N, C-alpha and C. Protein backbone atom coordinates (compact mmCIF):
# COMPACT_ATOMS: atom_id res chain seq x y z
N MET A 1 -82.47 41.28 -67.73
CA MET A 1 -81.21 40.68 -68.13
C MET A 1 -81.06 39.31 -67.49
N GLU A 2 -80.81 38.28 -68.33
CA GLU A 2 -80.66 36.92 -67.82
C GLU A 2 -79.28 36.72 -67.22
N VAL A 3 -79.20 35.83 -66.25
CA VAL A 3 -77.91 35.46 -65.66
C VAL A 3 -77.26 34.41 -66.56
N LEU A 4 -75.99 34.62 -66.87
CA LEU A 4 -75.29 33.68 -67.74
C LEU A 4 -75.02 32.37 -67.00
N PRO A 5 -75.41 31.22 -67.59
CA PRO A 5 -75.19 29.92 -66.96
C PRO A 5 -73.75 29.44 -67.18
N LYS A 6 -72.93 29.49 -66.15
CA LYS A 6 -71.50 29.22 -66.31
C LYS A 6 -71.22 27.82 -66.81
N GLU A 7 -71.92 26.82 -66.26
CA GLU A 7 -71.66 25.44 -66.65
C GLU A 7 -71.92 25.23 -68.14
N LEU A 8 -72.99 25.84 -68.65
CA LEU A 8 -73.32 25.68 -70.06
C LEU A 8 -72.29 26.40 -70.94
N ILE A 9 -71.83 27.57 -70.49
CA ILE A 9 -70.82 28.29 -71.26
C ILE A 9 -69.52 27.50 -71.32
N GLN A 10 -69.14 26.91 -70.20
CA GLN A 10 -67.93 26.09 -70.18
C GLN A 10 -68.05 24.91 -71.12
N LYS A 11 -69.24 24.35 -71.22
CA LYS A 11 -69.47 23.20 -72.10
C LYS A 11 -69.43 23.60 -73.57
N LYS A 12 -70.05 24.75 -73.90
CA LYS A 12 -70.12 25.18 -75.29
C LYS A 12 -68.84 25.86 -75.77
N PHE A 13 -68.10 26.49 -74.85
CA PHE A 13 -66.86 27.18 -75.21
C PHE A 13 -65.72 26.64 -74.33
N PRO A 14 -65.35 25.38 -74.51
CA PRO A 14 -64.41 24.73 -73.60
C PRO A 14 -62.98 25.26 -73.65
N ASP A 15 -62.61 25.97 -74.71
CA ASP A 15 -61.23 26.42 -74.86
C ASP A 15 -60.97 27.78 -74.21
N LEU A 16 -62.01 28.42 -73.70
CA LEU A 16 -61.81 29.73 -73.06
C LEU A 16 -61.31 29.54 -71.63
N GLU A 17 -60.29 30.29 -71.26
CA GLU A 17 -59.66 30.11 -69.95
C GLU A 17 -60.55 30.66 -68.83
N ASP A 18 -60.25 30.23 -67.61
CA ASP A 18 -61.12 30.52 -66.47
C ASP A 18 -61.32 32.01 -66.22
N GLN A 19 -60.23 32.78 -66.24
CA GLN A 19 -60.35 34.20 -65.96
C GLN A 19 -61.21 34.89 -67.03
N LEU A 20 -61.04 34.46 -68.27
CA LEU A 20 -61.85 35.00 -69.36
C LEU A 20 -63.32 34.66 -69.16
N LEU A 21 -63.60 33.44 -68.74
CA LEU A 21 -64.98 33.04 -68.47
C LEU A 21 -65.60 33.90 -67.38
N ASP A 22 -64.81 34.19 -66.34
CA ASP A 22 -65.32 35.03 -65.24
C ASP A 22 -65.70 36.43 -65.75
N GLU A 23 -64.86 37.00 -66.61
CA GLU A 23 -65.17 38.32 -67.15
C GLU A 23 -66.36 38.26 -68.11
N LEU A 24 -66.44 37.17 -68.85
CA LEU A 24 -67.57 36.98 -69.76
C LEU A 24 -68.87 36.92 -68.97
N LEU A 25 -68.85 36.21 -67.84
CA LEU A 25 -70.04 36.06 -67.00
C LEU A 25 -70.47 37.39 -66.39
N SER A 26 -69.50 38.20 -65.99
CA SER A 26 -69.83 39.42 -65.25
C SER A 26 -70.11 40.63 -66.14
N GLN A 27 -69.62 40.60 -67.38
CA GLN A 27 -69.70 41.82 -68.19
C GLN A 27 -70.46 41.66 -69.52
N SER A 28 -70.90 40.47 -69.82
CA SER A 28 -71.67 40.26 -71.05
C SER A 28 -73.14 40.05 -70.72
N THR A 29 -73.95 40.02 -71.76
CA THR A 29 -75.40 39.92 -71.60
C THR A 29 -75.94 38.70 -72.32
N LEU A 30 -76.84 37.99 -71.67
CA LEU A 30 -77.52 36.87 -72.31
C LEU A 30 -78.87 37.35 -72.83
N ARG A 31 -79.14 37.08 -74.10
CA ARG A 31 -80.40 37.50 -74.71
C ARG A 31 -81.12 36.30 -75.31
N GLU A 32 -82.38 36.15 -74.99
CA GLU A 32 -83.19 35.10 -75.59
C GLU A 32 -83.83 35.63 -76.87
N VAL A 33 -83.74 34.83 -77.92
CA VAL A 33 -84.24 35.24 -79.23
C VAL A 33 -85.25 34.22 -79.72
N GLU A 34 -86.41 34.67 -80.10
CA GLU A 34 -87.44 33.76 -80.58
C GLU A 34 -87.23 33.42 -82.05
N GLU A 35 -87.76 32.28 -82.45
CA GLU A 35 -87.67 31.86 -83.84
C GLU A 35 -88.19 32.96 -84.77
N GLY A 36 -87.39 33.27 -85.79
CA GLY A 36 -87.76 34.30 -86.75
C GLY A 36 -87.35 35.72 -86.37
N GLU A 37 -86.89 35.91 -85.13
CA GLU A 37 -86.50 37.24 -84.68
C GLU A 37 -85.13 37.63 -85.20
N GLU A 38 -84.98 38.89 -85.59
CA GLU A 38 -83.70 39.37 -86.10
C GLU A 38 -82.73 39.64 -84.95
N VAL A 39 -81.49 39.25 -85.15
CA VAL A 39 -80.43 39.52 -84.19
C VAL A 39 -79.54 40.65 -84.70
N MET A 40 -79.42 40.72 -86.01
CA MET A 40 -78.58 41.74 -86.63
C MET A 40 -79.23 42.17 -87.94
N ARG A 41 -79.24 43.48 -88.19
CA ARG A 41 -79.88 44.01 -89.39
C ARG A 41 -78.87 44.77 -90.25
N SER A 42 -79.08 44.71 -91.54
CA SER A 42 -78.24 45.46 -92.46
C SER A 42 -78.43 46.96 -92.22
N GLY A 43 -77.32 47.69 -92.16
CA GLY A 43 -77.37 49.13 -91.98
C GLY A 43 -77.24 49.60 -90.55
N GLN A 44 -77.31 48.68 -89.58
CA GLN A 44 -77.18 49.10 -88.19
C GLN A 44 -75.74 48.98 -87.72
N TYR A 45 -75.37 49.81 -86.74
CA TYR A 45 -74.05 49.68 -86.13
C TYR A 45 -74.09 48.53 -85.13
N ILE A 46 -73.10 47.66 -85.20
CA ILE A 46 -73.05 46.50 -84.31
C ILE A 46 -72.15 46.86 -83.13
N LYS A 47 -72.73 46.83 -81.94
CA LYS A 47 -71.98 47.23 -80.75
C LYS A 47 -71.52 46.05 -79.91
N SER A 48 -71.87 44.83 -80.34
CA SER A 48 -71.51 43.65 -79.56
C SER A 48 -71.11 42.50 -80.47
N THR A 49 -70.17 41.72 -80.01
CA THR A 49 -69.84 40.46 -80.67
C THR A 49 -70.88 39.43 -80.26
N ILE A 50 -71.36 38.64 -81.22
CA ILE A 50 -72.43 37.68 -80.96
C ILE A 50 -71.86 36.28 -80.82
N LEU A 51 -72.08 35.68 -79.66
CA LEU A 51 -71.76 34.27 -79.42
C LEU A 51 -73.07 33.51 -79.28
N LEU A 52 -73.15 32.34 -79.87
CA LEU A 52 -74.39 31.56 -79.79
C LEU A 52 -74.25 30.48 -78.72
N LEU A 53 -75.12 30.55 -77.73
CA LEU A 53 -75.10 29.59 -76.64
C LEU A 53 -76.00 28.39 -76.93
N SER A 54 -77.17 28.64 -77.49
CA SER A 54 -78.08 27.55 -77.86
C SER A 54 -78.95 27.99 -79.03
N GLY A 55 -79.51 27.02 -79.74
CA GLY A 55 -80.37 27.34 -80.87
C GLY A 55 -79.63 27.30 -82.19
N LEU A 56 -80.06 28.13 -83.13
CA LEU A 56 -79.47 28.17 -84.47
C LEU A 56 -79.76 29.53 -85.10
N LEU A 57 -78.73 30.18 -85.62
CA LEU A 57 -78.89 31.46 -86.30
C LEU A 57 -78.53 31.33 -87.78
N LYS A 58 -79.26 32.05 -88.59
CA LYS A 58 -79.00 32.10 -90.03
C LYS A 58 -78.41 33.46 -90.36
N VAL A 59 -77.23 33.47 -90.98
CA VAL A 59 -76.57 34.70 -91.36
C VAL A 59 -76.68 34.83 -92.89
N TYR A 60 -77.20 35.96 -93.36
CA TYR A 60 -77.50 36.07 -94.78
C TYR A 60 -77.46 37.53 -95.23
N ARG A 61 -77.51 37.71 -96.55
CA ARG A 61 -77.64 39.04 -97.14
C ARG A 61 -79.00 39.12 -97.81
N GLU A 62 -79.46 40.34 -97.99
CA GLU A 62 -80.77 40.55 -98.59
C GLU A 62 -80.66 41.64 -99.64
N ASP A 63 -81.26 41.40 -100.83
CA ASP A 63 -81.19 42.41 -101.88
C ASP A 63 -82.33 43.42 -101.74
N ASP A 64 -82.41 44.34 -102.67
CA ASP A 64 -83.39 45.43 -102.58
C ASP A 64 -84.83 44.92 -102.68
N GLU A 65 -85.00 43.73 -103.24
CA GLU A 65 -86.34 43.17 -103.39
C GLU A 65 -86.71 42.21 -102.27
N GLY A 66 -85.81 42.09 -101.29
CA GLY A 66 -86.09 41.23 -100.15
C GLY A 66 -85.68 39.79 -100.32
N ASN A 67 -85.00 39.47 -101.44
CA ASN A 67 -84.52 38.10 -101.64
C ASN A 67 -83.33 37.82 -100.74
N GLU A 68 -83.30 36.66 -100.14
CA GLU A 68 -82.25 36.31 -99.19
C GLU A 68 -81.18 35.44 -99.84
N PHE A 69 -79.93 35.68 -99.45
CA PHE A 69 -78.82 34.86 -99.89
C PHE A 69 -78.11 34.32 -98.65
N LEU A 70 -78.20 33.02 -98.45
CA LEU A 70 -77.63 32.39 -97.27
C LEU A 70 -76.11 32.42 -97.32
N MET A 71 -75.50 32.89 -96.23
CA MET A 71 -74.04 32.89 -96.13
C MET A 71 -73.55 31.72 -95.29
N TYR A 72 -74.08 31.58 -94.07
CA TYR A 72 -73.74 30.43 -93.24
C TYR A 72 -74.69 30.36 -92.06
N TYR A 73 -74.65 29.24 -91.37
CA TYR A 73 -75.42 29.07 -90.14
C TYR A 73 -74.48 29.17 -88.95
N LEU A 74 -74.98 29.70 -87.87
CA LEU A 74 -74.23 29.81 -86.63
C LEU A 74 -74.78 28.80 -85.64
N GLU A 75 -73.91 27.89 -85.19
CA GLU A 75 -74.32 26.83 -84.27
C GLU A 75 -73.82 27.14 -82.86
N PRO A 76 -74.41 26.50 -81.84
CA PRO A 76 -73.97 26.72 -80.46
C PRO A 76 -72.47 26.47 -80.29
N GLY A 77 -71.82 27.35 -79.54
CA GLY A 77 -70.38 27.23 -79.31
C GLY A 77 -69.56 28.01 -80.32
N SER A 78 -70.23 28.76 -81.19
CA SER A 78 -69.49 29.52 -82.21
C SER A 78 -69.85 30.99 -82.13
N ALA A 79 -69.09 31.79 -82.88
CA ALA A 79 -69.29 33.24 -82.87
C ALA A 79 -69.52 33.72 -84.29
N CYS A 80 -70.22 34.83 -84.41
CA CYS A 80 -70.43 35.45 -85.71
C CYS A 80 -69.21 36.31 -86.04
N ALA A 81 -68.37 35.80 -86.94
CA ALA A 81 -67.13 36.50 -87.27
C ALA A 81 -67.40 37.86 -87.88
N LEU A 82 -68.49 37.98 -88.64
CA LEU A 82 -68.79 39.26 -89.27
C LEU A 82 -69.24 40.30 -88.25
N SER A 83 -69.85 39.87 -87.15
CA SER A 83 -70.19 40.82 -86.09
C SER A 83 -68.92 41.30 -85.39
N MET A 84 -67.94 40.40 -85.28
CA MET A 84 -66.65 40.78 -84.71
C MET A 84 -65.99 41.86 -85.56
N MET A 85 -66.05 41.67 -86.87
CA MET A 85 -65.41 42.62 -87.79
C MET A 85 -66.07 43.99 -87.72
N CYS A 86 -67.41 44.00 -87.67
CA CYS A 86 -68.14 45.27 -87.61
C CYS A 86 -67.86 46.03 -86.32
N THR A 87 -67.81 45.30 -85.20
CA THR A 87 -67.55 45.96 -83.92
C THR A 87 -66.13 46.50 -83.87
N ALA A 88 -65.18 45.75 -84.43
CA ALA A 88 -63.79 46.17 -84.40
C ALA A 88 -63.57 47.45 -85.20
N ARG A 89 -64.31 47.59 -86.31
CA ARG A 89 -64.12 48.75 -87.19
C ARG A 89 -65.18 49.84 -86.99
N THR A 90 -66.10 49.61 -86.08
CA THR A 90 -67.21 50.55 -85.85
C THR A 90 -67.91 50.85 -87.18
N GLU A 91 -68.27 49.80 -87.89
CA GLU A 91 -68.93 49.94 -89.18
C GLU A 91 -70.35 49.43 -89.13
N LYS A 92 -71.14 49.89 -90.11
CA LYS A 92 -72.49 49.38 -90.23
C LYS A 92 -72.45 47.96 -90.80
N SER A 93 -73.39 47.15 -90.35
CA SER A 93 -73.47 45.79 -90.84
C SER A 93 -73.99 45.75 -92.27
N GLU A 94 -73.43 44.87 -93.08
CA GLU A 94 -73.92 44.65 -94.43
C GLU A 94 -74.62 43.30 -94.55
N ILE A 95 -74.84 42.65 -93.41
CA ILE A 95 -75.49 41.35 -93.39
C ILE A 95 -76.63 41.37 -92.39
N MET A 96 -77.39 40.30 -92.39
CA MET A 96 -78.48 40.13 -91.45
C MET A 96 -78.35 38.78 -90.76
N ALA A 97 -78.93 38.67 -89.59
CA ALA A 97 -78.93 37.40 -88.88
C ALA A 97 -80.26 37.27 -88.14
N LYS A 98 -80.85 36.08 -88.22
CA LYS A 98 -82.09 35.84 -87.49
C LYS A 98 -82.10 34.42 -86.97
N ALA A 99 -82.93 34.19 -85.97
CA ALA A 99 -83.01 32.88 -85.34
C ALA A 99 -83.84 31.92 -86.19
N VAL A 100 -83.28 30.77 -86.48
CA VAL A 100 -84.00 29.72 -87.19
C VAL A 100 -84.94 29.01 -86.21
N LYS A 101 -84.52 28.95 -84.95
CA LYS A 101 -85.35 28.44 -83.87
C LYS A 101 -85.02 29.22 -82.61
N ASP A 102 -85.80 29.04 -81.57
CA ASP A 102 -85.55 29.77 -80.32
C ASP A 102 -84.09 29.59 -79.91
N SER A 103 -83.43 30.70 -79.60
CA SER A 103 -81.99 30.67 -79.35
C SER A 103 -81.63 31.55 -78.17
N GLU A 104 -80.41 31.36 -77.69
CA GLU A 104 -79.81 32.21 -76.66
C GLU A 104 -78.48 32.72 -77.19
N VAL A 105 -78.31 34.03 -77.18
CA VAL A 105 -77.05 34.61 -77.65
C VAL A 105 -76.39 35.38 -76.51
N ILE A 106 -75.07 35.35 -76.51
CA ILE A 106 -74.28 36.14 -75.57
C ILE A 106 -73.76 37.36 -76.31
N LEU A 107 -74.03 38.54 -75.79
CA LEU A 107 -73.59 39.78 -76.41
C LEU A 107 -72.39 40.32 -75.64
N VAL A 108 -71.25 40.33 -76.31
CA VAL A 108 -70.01 40.81 -75.70
C VAL A 108 -69.76 42.24 -76.19
N PRO A 109 -69.73 43.24 -75.28
CA PRO A 109 -69.49 44.63 -75.70
C PRO A 109 -68.22 44.76 -76.53
N SER A 110 -68.26 45.61 -77.55
CA SER A 110 -67.15 45.72 -78.50
C SER A 110 -65.83 46.07 -77.82
N GLU A 111 -65.88 46.99 -76.86
CA GLU A 111 -64.63 47.39 -76.21
C GLU A 111 -64.03 46.24 -75.41
N LEU A 112 -64.88 45.39 -74.89
CA LEU A 112 -64.41 44.23 -74.13
C LEU A 112 -63.76 43.21 -75.06
N SER A 113 -64.41 42.95 -76.18
CA SER A 113 -63.87 42.02 -77.16
C SER A 113 -62.50 42.45 -77.65
N GLU A 114 -62.34 43.75 -77.90
CA GLU A 114 -61.06 44.28 -78.34
C GLU A 114 -59.99 44.12 -77.27
N MET A 115 -60.34 44.42 -76.04
CA MET A 115 -59.38 44.31 -74.94
C MET A 115 -58.93 42.88 -74.74
N TRP A 116 -59.86 41.93 -74.87
CA TRP A 116 -59.54 40.51 -74.66
C TRP A 116 -58.54 39.97 -75.67
N LEU A 117 -58.49 40.57 -76.86
CA LEU A 117 -57.57 40.09 -77.89
C LEU A 117 -56.12 40.14 -77.40
N GLY A 118 -55.78 41.18 -76.67
CA GLY A 118 -54.43 41.31 -76.15
C GLY A 118 -54.24 40.70 -74.78
N LYS A 119 -55.34 40.49 -74.08
CA LYS A 119 -55.26 40.02 -72.69
C LYS A 119 -55.33 38.50 -72.57
N PHE A 120 -56.12 37.86 -73.42
CA PHE A 120 -56.33 36.42 -73.29
C PHE A 120 -55.96 35.69 -74.57
N LYS A 121 -55.01 34.79 -74.47
CA LYS A 121 -54.58 34.02 -75.63
C LYS A 121 -55.73 33.16 -76.18
N SER A 122 -56.55 32.62 -75.28
CA SER A 122 -57.64 31.75 -75.72
C SER A 122 -58.68 32.53 -76.53
N TRP A 123 -58.91 33.80 -76.17
CA TRP A 123 -59.85 34.61 -76.94
C TRP A 123 -59.27 34.95 -78.31
N HIS A 124 -57.98 35.30 -78.34
CA HIS A 124 -57.31 35.57 -79.61
C HIS A 124 -57.43 34.37 -80.54
N ASN A 125 -57.16 33.18 -80.01
CA ASN A 125 -57.24 31.97 -80.83
C ASN A 125 -58.68 31.69 -81.28
N PHE A 126 -59.62 31.96 -80.40
CA PHE A 126 -61.03 31.75 -80.72
C PHE A 126 -61.49 32.67 -81.85
N VAL A 127 -61.08 33.93 -81.80
CA VAL A 127 -61.44 34.89 -82.84
C VAL A 127 -60.84 34.48 -84.18
N ILE A 128 -59.55 34.12 -84.18
CA ILE A 128 -58.88 33.72 -85.42
C ILE A 128 -59.54 32.47 -86.00
N ALA A 129 -59.86 31.50 -85.14
CA ALA A 129 -60.52 30.27 -85.60
C ALA A 129 -61.90 30.57 -86.18
N SER A 130 -62.61 31.54 -85.58
CA SER A 130 -63.93 31.92 -86.09
C SER A 130 -63.83 32.52 -87.48
N TYR A 131 -62.86 33.42 -87.67
CA TYR A 131 -62.64 34.02 -89.00
C TYR A 131 -62.32 32.93 -90.03
N ARG A 132 -61.43 32.02 -89.65
CA ARG A 132 -61.00 30.97 -90.59
C ARG A 132 -62.17 30.08 -90.98
N GLN A 133 -62.98 29.68 -90.00
CA GLN A 133 -64.10 28.80 -90.29
C GLN A 133 -65.11 29.46 -91.23
N ARG A 134 -65.46 30.72 -90.95
CA ARG A 134 -66.43 31.41 -91.80
C ARG A 134 -65.88 31.67 -93.19
N PHE A 135 -64.58 31.96 -93.27
CA PHE A 135 -63.97 32.18 -94.58
C PHE A 135 -64.04 30.91 -95.42
N GLU A 136 -63.76 29.77 -94.81
CA GLU A 136 -63.82 28.50 -95.53
C GLU A 136 -65.24 28.21 -95.98
N GLU A 137 -66.23 28.52 -95.13
CA GLU A 137 -67.63 28.28 -95.50
C GLU A 137 -68.04 29.19 -96.66
N LEU A 138 -67.59 30.43 -96.63
CA LEU A 138 -67.92 31.35 -97.71
C LEU A 138 -67.27 30.93 -99.02
N LEU A 139 -66.06 30.38 -98.95
CA LEU A 139 -65.41 29.87 -100.15
C LEU A 139 -66.21 28.71 -100.75
N GLN A 140 -66.70 27.83 -99.88
CA GLN A 140 -67.52 26.71 -100.36
C GLN A 140 -68.79 27.21 -101.04
N THR A 141 -69.40 28.23 -100.43
CA THR A 141 -70.61 28.81 -101.03
C THR A 141 -70.30 29.45 -102.38
N LEU A 142 -69.19 30.18 -102.44
CA LEU A 142 -68.79 30.82 -103.70
C LEU A 142 -68.53 29.78 -104.77
N ASP A 143 -67.85 28.70 -104.41
CA ASP A 143 -67.57 27.63 -105.36
C ASP A 143 -68.86 27.03 -105.90
N SER A 144 -69.84 26.84 -105.01
CA SER A 144 -71.10 26.23 -105.44
C SER A 144 -71.84 27.12 -106.43
N ILE A 145 -71.69 28.43 -106.28
CA ILE A 145 -72.37 29.37 -107.17
C ILE A 145 -71.62 29.51 -108.50
N ALA A 146 -70.29 29.61 -108.40
CA ALA A 146 -69.49 29.91 -109.59
C ALA A 146 -69.25 28.70 -110.49
N PHE A 147 -69.16 27.51 -109.90
CA PHE A 147 -68.70 26.37 -110.67
C PHE A 147 -69.69 25.22 -110.77
N LYS A 148 -70.85 25.34 -110.15
CA LYS A 148 -71.79 24.23 -110.15
C LYS A 148 -73.14 24.63 -110.73
N GLY A 149 -73.81 23.64 -111.31
CA GLY A 149 -75.15 23.85 -111.81
C GLY A 149 -76.14 23.89 -110.67
N LEU A 150 -77.38 24.24 -110.97
CA LEU A 150 -78.39 24.40 -109.93
C LEU A 150 -78.67 23.08 -109.21
N ASP A 151 -78.60 21.96 -109.92
CA ASP A 151 -78.83 20.67 -109.28
C ASP A 151 -77.78 20.38 -108.22
N GLU A 152 -76.51 20.69 -108.52
CA GLU A 152 -75.43 20.49 -107.55
C GLU A 152 -75.53 21.50 -106.41
N ARG A 153 -75.94 22.72 -106.72
CA ARG A 153 -76.11 23.73 -105.68
C ARG A 153 -77.21 23.31 -104.71
N LEU A 154 -78.25 22.70 -105.23
CA LEU A 154 -79.34 22.23 -104.38
C LEU A 154 -78.85 21.15 -103.42
N VAL A 155 -78.06 20.22 -103.92
CA VAL A 155 -77.50 19.17 -103.06
C VAL A 155 -76.60 19.77 -101.99
N PHE A 156 -75.76 20.73 -102.38
CA PHE A 156 -74.88 21.41 -101.44
C PHE A 156 -75.71 22.13 -100.37
N TYR A 157 -76.76 22.78 -100.80
CA TYR A 157 -77.66 23.50 -99.89
C TYR A 157 -78.30 22.55 -98.88
N LEU A 158 -78.79 21.41 -99.36
CA LEU A 158 -79.41 20.43 -98.47
C LEU A 158 -78.40 19.85 -97.49
N LYS A 159 -77.18 19.64 -97.94
CA LYS A 159 -76.14 19.12 -97.05
C LYS A 159 -75.87 20.08 -95.90
N ARG A 160 -75.89 21.36 -96.19
CA ARG A 160 -75.65 22.36 -95.14
C ARG A 160 -76.78 22.32 -94.10
N HIS A 161 -78.00 22.14 -94.58
CA HIS A 161 -79.12 22.07 -93.65
C HIS A 161 -79.07 20.80 -92.80
N VAL A 162 -78.70 19.69 -93.41
CA VAL A 162 -78.59 18.44 -92.67
C VAL A 162 -77.54 18.57 -91.57
N LYS A 163 -76.43 19.25 -91.88
CA LYS A 163 -75.35 19.41 -90.92
C LYS A 163 -75.80 20.13 -89.66
N VAL A 164 -76.65 21.14 -89.82
CA VAL A 164 -77.02 21.96 -88.66
C VAL A 164 -78.35 21.57 -88.02
N SER A 165 -79.22 20.89 -88.77
CA SER A 165 -80.55 20.63 -88.20
C SER A 165 -81.05 19.20 -88.38
N GLY A 166 -80.21 18.32 -88.89
CA GLY A 166 -80.63 16.92 -89.00
C GLY A 166 -81.23 16.60 -90.36
N LYS A 167 -81.67 15.37 -90.50
CA LYS A 167 -82.09 14.86 -91.81
C LYS A 167 -83.53 15.18 -92.18
N GLN A 168 -84.24 15.87 -91.31
CA GLN A 168 -85.56 16.36 -91.67
C GLN A 168 -85.45 17.87 -91.94
N VAL A 169 -85.42 18.23 -93.20
CA VAL A 169 -85.26 19.62 -93.61
C VAL A 169 -86.65 20.25 -93.71
N LYS A 170 -86.96 21.11 -92.74
CA LYS A 170 -88.30 21.70 -92.67
C LYS A 170 -88.34 23.03 -93.40
N LEU A 171 -88.25 22.94 -94.73
CA LEU A 171 -88.30 24.12 -95.58
C LEU A 171 -89.25 23.84 -96.74
N SER A 172 -89.97 24.85 -97.14
CA SER A 172 -90.86 24.70 -98.29
C SER A 172 -90.06 24.83 -99.58
N HIS A 173 -90.63 24.36 -100.68
CA HIS A 173 -89.97 24.48 -101.96
C HIS A 173 -89.76 25.95 -102.31
N GLN A 174 -90.69 26.81 -101.91
CA GLN A 174 -90.56 28.24 -102.19
C GLN A 174 -89.40 28.85 -101.41
N GLN A 175 -89.23 28.45 -100.14
CA GLN A 175 -88.12 28.97 -99.35
C GLN A 175 -86.78 28.59 -99.97
N ILE A 176 -86.67 27.35 -100.40
CA ILE A 176 -85.44 26.90 -101.03
C ILE A 176 -85.20 27.68 -102.32
N ALA A 177 -86.25 27.85 -103.10
CA ALA A 177 -86.12 28.60 -104.36
C ALA A 177 -85.66 30.02 -104.11
N ASP A 178 -86.20 30.67 -103.10
CA ASP A 178 -85.82 32.04 -102.78
C ASP A 178 -84.33 32.14 -102.44
N GLU A 179 -83.85 31.19 -101.65
CA GLU A 179 -82.46 31.25 -101.21
C GLU A 179 -81.49 30.86 -102.32
N LEU A 180 -81.97 30.09 -103.29
CA LEU A 180 -81.11 29.70 -104.42
C LEU A 180 -81.36 30.57 -105.65
N ASN A 181 -82.19 31.61 -105.47
CA ASN A 181 -82.51 32.53 -106.57
C ASN A 181 -83.04 31.78 -107.79
N SER A 182 -83.99 30.92 -107.53
CA SER A 182 -84.61 30.15 -108.60
C SER A 182 -86.13 30.26 -108.45
N SER A 183 -86.86 29.45 -109.20
CA SER A 183 -88.32 29.44 -109.10
C SER A 183 -88.76 28.19 -108.36
N ARG A 184 -89.93 28.26 -107.76
CA ARG A 184 -90.45 27.10 -107.03
C ARG A 184 -90.63 25.91 -107.96
N GLU A 185 -91.06 26.15 -109.19
CA GLU A 185 -91.30 25.06 -110.13
C GLU A 185 -90.01 24.31 -110.45
N VAL A 186 -88.92 25.06 -110.65
CA VAL A 186 -87.64 24.43 -110.97
C VAL A 186 -87.12 23.62 -109.78
N ILE A 187 -87.21 24.21 -108.58
CA ILE A 187 -86.75 23.50 -107.39
C ILE A 187 -87.58 22.25 -107.14
N SER A 188 -88.89 22.33 -107.33
CA SER A 188 -89.75 21.17 -107.14
C SER A 188 -89.37 20.05 -108.11
N ARG A 189 -89.05 20.41 -109.33
CA ARG A 189 -88.66 19.41 -110.32
C ARG A 189 -87.34 18.74 -109.94
N LEU A 190 -86.37 19.54 -109.47
CA LEU A 190 -85.08 18.98 -109.07
C LEU A 190 -85.21 18.11 -107.82
N LEU A 191 -86.06 18.53 -106.89
CA LEU A 191 -86.29 17.72 -105.69
C LEU A 191 -86.95 16.39 -106.06
N LYS A 192 -87.84 16.42 -107.03
CA LYS A 192 -88.49 15.19 -107.47
C LYS A 192 -87.47 14.24 -108.08
N LYS A 193 -86.51 14.78 -108.81
CA LYS A 193 -85.45 13.95 -109.38
C LYS A 193 -84.60 13.32 -108.28
N LEU A 194 -84.30 14.11 -107.24
CA LEU A 194 -83.54 13.57 -106.11
C LEU A 194 -84.31 12.45 -105.42
N GLU A 195 -85.61 12.62 -105.33
CA GLU A 195 -86.44 11.58 -104.71
C GLU A 195 -86.40 10.31 -105.55
N GLN A 196 -86.40 10.43 -106.84
CA GLN A 196 -86.38 9.27 -107.73
C GLN A 196 -85.08 8.48 -107.61
N THR A 197 -83.99 9.17 -107.25
CA THR A 197 -82.71 8.48 -107.06
C THR A 197 -82.61 7.80 -105.69
N GLY A 198 -83.54 8.12 -104.79
CA GLY A 198 -83.49 7.58 -103.43
C GLY A 198 -82.74 8.45 -102.46
N ALA A 199 -82.29 9.63 -102.92
CA ALA A 199 -81.52 10.53 -102.06
C ALA A 199 -82.38 11.15 -100.97
N ILE A 200 -83.63 11.43 -101.29
CA ILE A 200 -84.55 12.07 -100.35
C ILE A 200 -85.94 11.49 -100.49
N THR A 201 -86.79 11.80 -99.52
CA THR A 201 -88.22 11.54 -99.62
C THR A 201 -88.96 12.84 -99.35
N LEU A 202 -89.86 13.19 -100.23
CA LEU A 202 -90.62 14.42 -100.06
C LEU A 202 -91.88 14.16 -99.25
N HIS A 203 -92.06 14.92 -98.19
CA HIS A 203 -93.26 14.84 -97.36
C HIS A 203 -94.02 16.16 -97.48
N ARG A 204 -95.17 16.21 -96.87
CA ARG A 204 -96.02 17.39 -97.00
C ARG A 204 -95.35 18.65 -96.45
N ASN A 205 -94.71 18.54 -95.28
CA ASN A 205 -94.16 19.73 -94.62
C ASN A 205 -92.65 19.69 -94.44
N TYR A 206 -92.01 18.68 -94.96
CA TYR A 206 -90.55 18.61 -94.81
C TYR A 206 -89.95 17.66 -95.84
N ILE A 207 -88.63 17.71 -95.93
CA ILE A 207 -87.88 16.84 -96.83
C ILE A 207 -87.04 15.90 -95.96
N GLU A 208 -87.20 14.62 -96.15
CA GLU A 208 -86.42 13.64 -95.41
C GLU A 208 -85.21 13.24 -96.25
N VAL A 209 -84.03 13.48 -95.71
CA VAL A 209 -82.80 13.21 -96.45
C VAL A 209 -82.26 11.83 -96.09
N HIS A 210 -81.92 11.05 -97.11
CA HIS A 210 -81.36 9.71 -96.90
C HIS A 210 -79.87 9.68 -97.23
N ASP A 211 -79.54 9.89 -98.50
CA ASP A 211 -78.14 9.83 -98.93
C ASP A 211 -77.97 10.76 -100.13
N LEU A 212 -77.46 11.95 -99.89
CA LEU A 212 -77.36 12.95 -100.95
C LEU A 212 -76.28 12.62 -101.98
N SER A 213 -75.41 11.67 -101.66
CA SER A 213 -74.41 11.26 -102.67
C SER A 213 -75.08 10.56 -103.85
N LEU A 214 -76.30 10.09 -103.63
CA LEU A 214 -77.04 9.45 -104.73
C LEU A 214 -77.56 10.47 -105.73
N GLY A 215 -77.55 11.73 -105.33
CA GLY A 215 -78.12 12.76 -106.19
C GLY A 215 -77.10 13.51 -107.04
N VAL A 216 -75.82 13.13 -106.93
CA VAL A 216 -74.78 13.82 -107.71
C VAL A 216 -74.02 12.83 -108.58
C-alpha cells in the first residue's frame, strides 16, 4: 500500500477542507495503475469511490462483441461519478474504466464516502459537482450521436482527446472507428478530408491537430 502524498492531494483537490484531507490520507488507499489496466469492470460490485490523482482514465461501455463506447475521460483532480453512484447503491457496475496512461488512483471506501456527505460540506459539494460535470459531458455525447453526422462526431471526438491529452492524438484509425462504431475505411476517408482543410496533419503513429474549427 502506497503512502498518500498530502501535498499533491492538496494541489489536485484544493477545495477539500483540512480535516477531510486528514481522514482521506489515513483511511484511503493509493493504487498505481499501468497503462491499459482495468480499474473498474462491468458486472463487478464497486466498493470504493475512485479519485484520480495523476494520469488519465477512460470510462466507457462495452457491448457483447467487445466494441467500446466512450463516455468520458477522467482527469487528475476529479472523481468517477458513476463509481460514486454504484458504491452508494451497492450495485454492480454497468461501465468499465481503464488507464489510458500510467495513473494513480485514490480508493475511498464506500462507507467513508457516504459518511463524509453529511460530515463535510466540501465533500458534499465535490460529489454534486462531479455528478453535474459528468452529466453535462454525457449530454454532449448524446447530442453528438443523436443530432450530428459522422463527420461532426469525429470532430467532437478529436476535440475531447485534445482537451485531455494535447494536440497529438495517439490513436489508430481502427481505434477511432471502433469507438465511433464505424469502419476504418470511412474514418480514414474523413480524416483525410480534415487534413485537406488544414484542421489536422496525419502522421504514421498519431494525428496532429491544428484547428478543428476548419473541419466543420
